[in-house]
Amino acid sequence: MAHETPDSKEHLEPWFDDGNIVLVAGGKSFKVYRGTLSWNSPIFKDMFSCPQPADQEEMIDGCAVVHLQDSAIELQHVLRALFHGEYINTSQSIPMSVAIALLRLGKKYEIKLLFDSVSSRVKECYPRELPSSSGPARFEGTLIGRDPLDFQLLNIIREVGLLTVLPIALYACAFSTEIEKLLDGYEWNGVRYSLSPINQRACIIARDKRSELTRRIFTKFFPRPEERHFLESTTCLLCRSRCCATSLSTDPFAVWDPDWNVRFCKTCVADFKARYNRYRKDAFLFLPWMFDVGSNWDQVQKDETSL
């Protein structure tokens, strides 16, 4: 026989008087609707389909109780999204703490509506394309309260498996952050932020891999003098020799340097710029390899978490 438990737990919103299930997390309780949870989450649906022995079933306020091993605040964000429609409108900004909760519990309970909604916001922060004026870059998007180096966002991206975002986000972090902060973390607004060990490793190793990728991609563009034959036959002899003498950036995504224009004839400049930009795009194809996320973008797309 089910037994009514004295309700000593703090009620948090949402708490519906006519709700039919009580969720408890971190000593806080929420009274909501079983049907809505089952509709949005196959995990909750399966959970509710497994009846407890009658003599062990716990009741609060006339409703069955389910204990969850989640943060009460994170669970509250998820329930407010499901039952009040908060945070769903992707044109409105949401705090990082909410985004993390919806991603983490959205994945855990397979709540596709919430996971996909926040995933699209994250992908707006790090679009999977190479900007014409810079290397892979960070954009502000609709997530507010991000720490300046995005350690918090990087960690949750890795945790929930948004692999198509990870190489771009790691690149933006690895090459704009002092090595001490990558290793030891940093403090911002009274909070300490640190990269997860796997993200630390990826950022540090990529610093060596970047120069290797540059050599691999641009060998035919800035060859050694004895390898001048690599240059296309449309290039004049004088510009071929000047190209061999041009210093190569260690960044495979560095944009064409305007100072190079005066080194070559007008015809060759146009040809060189077109091929240089083509090589930059070729380098972008190897970005997942640089951070040990996958061998190429197709592999990363295949391995990415989807609900």
Protein backbone atom coordinates (compact mmCIF):
# COMPACT_ATOMS: atom_id res chain seq x y z
CA MET A 1 0.00 0.00 0.00
CA ALA A 2 1.35 3.44 -0.95
CA HIS A 3 2.21 5.63 2.02
CA GLU A 4 1.88 9.39 2.28
CA THR A 5 5.20 11.01 3.21
CA PRO A 6 5.23 14.12 5.41
CA ASP A 7 6.03 16.92 2.99
CA SER A 8 9.00 18.65 4.56
CA LYS A 9 10.63 19.51 1.22
CA GLU A 10 10.61 23.02 -0.16
CA HIS A 11 8.25 23.51 -3.06
CA LEU A 12 9.63 25.23 -6.12
CA GLU A 13 7.87 26.43 -9.24
CA PRO A 14 6.43 24.88 -11.24
CA TRP A 15 4.02 23.46 -8.63
CA PHE A 16 0.57 22.80 -10.05
CA ASP A 17 -2.20 22.14 -7.56
CA ASP A 18 -3.77 19.65 -9.98
CA GLY A 19 -0.46 18.07 -10.96
CA ASN A 20 -0.18 14.28 -10.81
CA ILE A 21 3.53 13.60 -10.23
CA VAL A 22 6.05 15.03 -7.79
CA LEU A 23 9.71 15.24 -8.79
CA VAL A 24 12.29 15.64 -6.03
CA ALA A 25 15.86 16.80 -6.59
CA GLY A 26 18.33 18.21 -4.11
CA GLY A 27 15.72 18.37 -1.35
CA LYS A 28 13.35 20.48 -3.49
CA SER A 29 10.08 19.26 -4.98
CA PHE A 30 8.07 20.08 -8.10
CA LYS A 31 4.48 19.05 -8.79
CA VAL A 32 3.88 18.73 -12.51
CA TYR A 33 2.09 16.61 -15.12
CA ARG A 34 3.16 13.08 -15.89
CA GLY A 35 1.71 13.17 -19.42
CA THR A 36 3.70 16.23 -20.49
CA LEU A 37 6.93 14.68 -19.24
CA SER A 38 6.18 11.39 -20.99
CA TRP A 39 5.32 13.16 -24.25
CA ASN A 40 8.60 15.08 -24.34
CA SER A 41 10.95 12.48 -22.84
CA PRO A 42 11.13 8.76 -23.63
CA ILE A 43 13.24 8.38 -20.48
CA PHE A 44 10.48 9.75 -18.25
CA LYS A 45 7.93 7.69 -20.19
CA ASP A 46 9.85 4.50 -19.44
CA MET A 47 10.40 5.57 -15.84
CA PHE A 48 6.68 6.05 -15.26
CA SER A 49 5.83 2.74 -16.93
CA CYS A 50 7.71 0.79 -14.26
CA PRO A 51 5.36 0.64 -11.24
CA GLN A 52 6.83 0.55 -7.76
CA PRO A 53 5.75 -2.13 -5.27
CA ALA A 54 2.62 -0.87 -3.56
CA ASP A 55 4.22 -1.01 -0.10
CA GLN A 56 7.20 1.06 -1.27
CA GLU A 57 5.47 3.75 -3.30
CA GLU A 58 6.01 7.16 -1.78
CA MET A 59 3.29 9.80 -2.02
CA ILE A 60 3.31 13.57 -1.50
CA ASP A 61 0.14 15.63 -1.74
CA GLY A 62 -1.63 12.60 -3.16
CA CYS A 63 0.88 12.11 -5.98
CA ALA A 64 3.56 9.51 -6.62
CA VAL A 65 7.10 10.76 -5.96
CA VAL A 66 10.11 10.32 -8.24
CA HIS A 67 13.57 11.11 -6.85
CA LEU A 68 16.10 12.42 -9.38
CA GLN A 69 19.86 12.76 -8.98
CA ASP A 70 19.99 16.21 -10.57
CA SER A 71 20.60 19.76 -9.45
CA ALA A 72 17.32 21.28 -8.26
CA ILE A 73 18.07 24.54 -10.07
CA GLU A 74 18.89 22.78 -13.35
CA LEU A 75 15.74 20.67 -13.08
CA GLN A 76 13.72 23.80 -12.43
CA HIS A 77 15.04 25.41 -15.63
CA VAL A 78 13.98 22.33 -17.60
CA LEU A 79 10.52 22.20 -16.04
CA ARG A 80 9.93 25.92 -16.58
CA ALA A 81 10.84 25.45 -20.23
CA LEU A 82 8.49 22.49 -20.64
CA PHE A 83 5.53 23.79 -18.62
CA HIS A 84 5.80 27.58 -19.00
CA GLY A 85 7.39 27.76 -22.45
CA GLU A 86 10.35 29.75 -21.16
CA TYR A 87 13.67 29.84 -23.05
CA ILE A 88 12.17 28.21 -26.18
CA ASN A 89 12.01 31.35 -28.32
CA THR A 90 15.46 31.33 -29.93
CA SER A 91 15.30 35.05 -30.74
CA GLN A 92 15.44 35.89 -27.02
CA SER A 93 18.67 35.68 -25.04
CA ILE A 94 19.04 33.17 -22.22
CA PRO A 95 21.64 32.93 -19.42
CA MET A 96 24.50 30.47 -19.71
CA SER A 97 23.30 28.68 -16.56
CA VAL A 98 19.97 27.96 -18.26
CA ALA A 99 21.65 26.83 -21.49
CA ILE A 100 23.85 24.39 -19.57
CA ALA A 101 20.85 22.94 -17.72
CA LEU A 102 18.79 22.46 -20.88
CA LEU A 103 21.69 20.84 -22.72
CA ARG A 104 22.75 18.57 -19.86
CA LEU A 105 19.31 17.37 -18.80
CA GLY A 106 17.96 17.61 -22.33
CA LYS A 107 20.52 15.00 -23.33
CA LYS A 108 20.12 12.90 -20.17
CA TYR A 109 16.32 12.65 -20.49
CA GLU A 110 16.31 12.83 -24.31
CA ILE A 111 14.16 15.95 -24.42
CA LYS A 112 14.66 16.79 -28.08
CA LEU A 113 12.73 20.07 -27.97
CA LEU A 114 15.07 21.59 -25.39
CA PHE A 115 18.32 20.03 -26.57
CA ASP A 116 17.83 21.09 -30.17
CA SER A 117 16.71 24.58 -29.19
CA VAL A 118 19.87 25.30 -27.21
CA SER A 119 22.13 23.42 -29.63
CA SER A 120 21.10 25.84 -32.38
CA ARG A 121 22.03 28.77 -30.12
CA VAL A 122 25.46 27.27 -29.44
CA LYS A 123 26.08 26.75 -33.16
CA GLU A 124 25.31 30.42 -33.77
CA CYS A 125 28.16 31.29 -31.39
CA TYR A 126 30.62 29.21 -33.43
CA PRO A 127 29.39 28.87 -37.04
CA ARG A 128 30.92 26.01 -38.98
CA GLU A 129 32.44 28.15 -41.68
CA LEU A 130 35.73 29.95 -42.19
CA PRO A 131 35.35 33.76 -42.09
CA SER A 132 36.96 35.50 -45.05
CA SER A 133 38.64 38.06 -42.78
CA SER A 134 39.94 35.87 -39.93
CA GLY A 135 40.44 32.38 -38.63
CA PRO A 136 37.64 30.40 -36.91
CA ALA A 137 35.98 32.92 -34.63
CA ARG A 138 33.61 33.37 -31.70
CA PHE A 139 30.32 35.28 -32.06
CA GLU A 140 28.16 36.60 -29.24
CA GLY A 141 24.88 34.93 -30.22
CA THR A 142 21.96 34.75 -27.76
CA LEU A 143 23.75 33.20 -24.76
CA ILE A 144 24.45 35.79 -22.09
CA GLY A 145 26.76 35.61 -19.10
CA ARG A 146 29.48 33.67 -20.95
CA ASP A 147 32.90 33.90 -19.35
CA PRO A 148 35.35 35.86 -21.55
CA LEU A 149 37.33 32.78 -22.63
CA ASP A 150 34.25 30.53 -22.98
CA PHE A 151 35.66 27.78 -20.76
CA GLN A 152 32.17 27.05 -19.42
CA LEU A 153 30.64 26.77 -22.88
CA LEU A 154 33.53 24.66 -24.16
CA ASN A 155 33.10 22.20 -21.32
CA ILE A 156 29.36 21.70 -21.85
CA ILE A 157 29.85 21.42 -25.64
CA ARG A 158 32.23 18.53 -25.01
CA GLU A 159 30.06 16.98 -22.29
CA VAL A 160 26.93 16.73 -24.41
CA GLY A 161 28.71 15.82 -27.65
CA LEU A 162 28.15 18.84 -29.91
CA LEU A 163 31.18 17.78 -31.92
CA THR A 164 30.58 19.96 -34.99
CA VAL A 165 30.99 23.04 -32.78
CA LEU A 166 33.94 21.78 -30.77
CA PRO A 167 36.87 22.26 -33.22
CA ILE A 168 35.92 25.88 -33.95
CA ALA A 169 35.34 26.72 -30.29
CA LEU A 170 38.61 25.07 -29.28
CA TYR A 171 40.53 26.95 -31.96
CA ALA A 172 39.13 30.31 -30.85
CA CYS A 173 40.11 29.48 -27.27
CA ALA A 174 43.50 27.84 -27.83
CA PHE A 175 45.01 30.68 -29.84
CA SER A 176 43.61 33.62 -27.89
CA THR A 177 44.41 32.38 -24.37
CA GLU A 178 47.65 32.46 -22.40
CA ILE A 179 49.06 29.01 -21.68
CA GLU A 180 48.85 29.67 -17.92
CA LYS A 181 45.09 30.17 -18.14
CA LEU A 182 44.65 27.08 -20.26
CA LEU A 183 46.44 25.06 -17.58
CA ASP A 184 45.36 26.76 -14.36
CA GLY A 185 42.07 28.45 -15.20
CA TYR A 186 41.21 32.02 -14.29
CA GLU A 187 38.80 34.06 -12.16
CA TRP A 188 36.05 36.27 -13.54
CA ASN A 189 33.37 38.08 -11.55
CA GLY A 190 34.33 36.15 -8.44
CA VAL A 191 33.97 32.73 -10.11
CA ARG A 192 36.80 30.36 -11.00
CA TYR A 193 36.67 28.89 -14.52
CA SER A 194 38.78 25.95 -15.71
CA LEU A 195 38.86 23.83 -18.83
CA SER A 196 38.14 20.13 -18.47
CA PRO A 197 41.30 17.99 -18.75
CA ILE A 198 40.36 16.71 -22.21
CA ASN A 199 39.82 20.26 -23.50
CA GLN A 200 43.11 21.38 -21.93
CA ARG A 201 44.93 18.59 -23.72
CA ALA A 202 43.29 19.39 -27.06
CA CYS A 203 44.21 23.08 -26.86
CA ILE A 204 47.84 22.44 -25.93
CA ILE A 205 48.45 19.74 -28.54
CA ALA A 206 46.85 21.91 -31.22
CA ARG A 207 49.52 24.54 -30.71
CA ASP A 208 52.04 22.11 -32.19
CA LYS A 209 49.69 20.73 -34.79
CA ARG A 210 48.90 24.17 -36.20
CA SER A 211 52.39 24.71 -37.62
CA GLU A 212 52.34 21.16 -39.00
CA LEU A 213 49.02 21.86 -40.72
CA THR A 214 50.39 25.10 -42.16
CA ARG A 215 53.35 23.28 -43.69
CA ARG A 216 51.12 20.52 -45.03
CA ILE A 217 48.68 22.89 -46.71
CA PHE A 218 50.96 25.64 -47.99
CA THR A 219 53.99 23.64 -49.19
CA LYS A 220 52.94 24.11 -52.79
CA PHE A 221 52.27 27.80 -52.31
CA PHE A 222 55.47 28.85 -50.56
CA PRO A 223 57.90 26.13 -51.71
CA ARG A 224 61.61 26.07 -51.18
CA PRO A 225 63.57 27.45 -54.15
CA GLU A 226 64.55 23.96 -55.35
CA GLU A 227 60.85 23.04 -55.40
CA ARG A 228 59.79 26.03 -57.47
CA HIS A 229 58.24 23.71 -60.05
CA PHE A 230 55.31 23.22 -57.65
CA LEU A 231 53.99 26.64 -58.64
CA GLU A 232 51.55 26.64 -61.52
CA SER A 233 52.83 27.38 -65.00
CA THR A 234 50.64 30.49 -65.20
CA THR A 235 52.97 32.19 -62.70
CA CYS A 236 55.73 34.28 -64.22
CA LEU A 237 59.36 33.35 -63.41
CA LEU A 238 60.07 36.52 -61.40
CA CYS A 239 56.97 36.03 -59.22
CA ARG A 240 57.85 32.38 -58.69
CA SER A 241 61.18 33.34 -57.19
CA ARG A 242 59.58 36.06 -55.06
CA CYS A 243 56.95 33.64 -53.82
CA CYS A 244 59.67 31.24 -52.68
CA ALA A 245 61.25 34.07 -50.71
CA THR A 246 57.99 35.08 -49.00
CA SER A 247 57.74 34.26 -45.28
CA LEU A 248 54.90 31.95 -44.38
CA SER A 249 52.65 32.63 -41.38
CA THR A 250 52.42 29.88 -38.78
CA ASP A 251 48.63 30.28 -38.87
CA PRO A 252 46.99 28.25 -41.67
CA PHE A 253 43.94 30.52 -41.47
CA ALA A 254 45.80 33.84 -41.67
CA VAL A 255 44.30 36.07 -44.35
CA TRP A 256 46.22 37.28 -47.38
CA ASP A 257 48.70 39.98 -46.32
CA PRO A 258 48.14 43.18 -48.38
CA ASP A 259 51.90 43.85 -48.16
CA TRP A 260 52.41 40.87 -50.48
CA ASN A 261 50.63 42.67 -53.32
CA VAL A 262 53.66 44.84 -54.16
CA ARG A 263 55.91 41.79 -54.48
CA PHE A 264 54.12 40.35 -57.49
CA CYS A 265 52.83 41.50 -60.83
CA LYS A 266 49.13 42.32 -61.13
CA THR A 267 48.28 39.09 -62.94
CA CYS A 268 50.08 36.90 -60.45
CA VAL A 269 48.61 38.70 -57.44
CA ALA A 270 45.10 37.78 -58.57
CA ASP A 271 46.15 34.18 -59.15
CA PHE A 272 48.04 33.92 -55.85
CA LYS A 273 45.19 35.39 -53.79
CA ALA A 274 42.67 32.99 -55.30
CA ARG A 275 44.87 29.96 -54.62
CA TYR A 276 45.85 31.20 -51.15
CA ASN A 277 42.17 31.47 -50.15
CA ARG A 278 41.56 28.02 -51.58
CA TYR A 279 44.36 26.62 -49.41
CA ARG A 280 42.87 28.32 -46.32
CA LYS A 281 39.62 26.48 -47.00
CA ASP A 282 41.57 23.24 -47.44
CA ALA A 283 43.16 23.82 -44.03
CA PHE A 284 39.71 24.27 -42.49
CA LEU A 285 38.86 20.72 -43.54
CA PHE A 286 41.59 19.49 -41.17
CA LEU A 287 40.40 21.48 -38.14
CA PRO A 288 38.81 18.44 -36.41
CA TRP A 289 42.12 16.57 -36.84
CA MET A 290 44.03 19.42 -35.21
CA PHE A 291 42.02 19.00 -32.00
CA ASP A 292 41.70 15.21 -32.14
CA VAL A 293 37.92 15.43 -32.48
CA GLY A 294 37.77 13.40 -35.69
CA SER A 295 39.66 12.81 -38.91
CA ASN A 296 37.43 15.16 -40.91
CA TRP A 297 34.14 17.07 -40.77
CA ASP A 298 32.12 14.17 -42.18
CA GLN A 299 33.32 11.93 -39.35
CA VAL A 300 32.57 14.60 -36.77
CA GLN A 301 29.05 15.06 -38.15
CA LYS A 302 28.49 11.32 -37.98
CA ASP A 303 29.68 11.09 -34.36
CA GLU A 304 27.77 14.13 -33.08
CA THR A 305 25.03 13.60 -30.48
CA SER A 306 21.53 13.76 -31.90
CA LEU A 307 18.20 13.04 -30.21
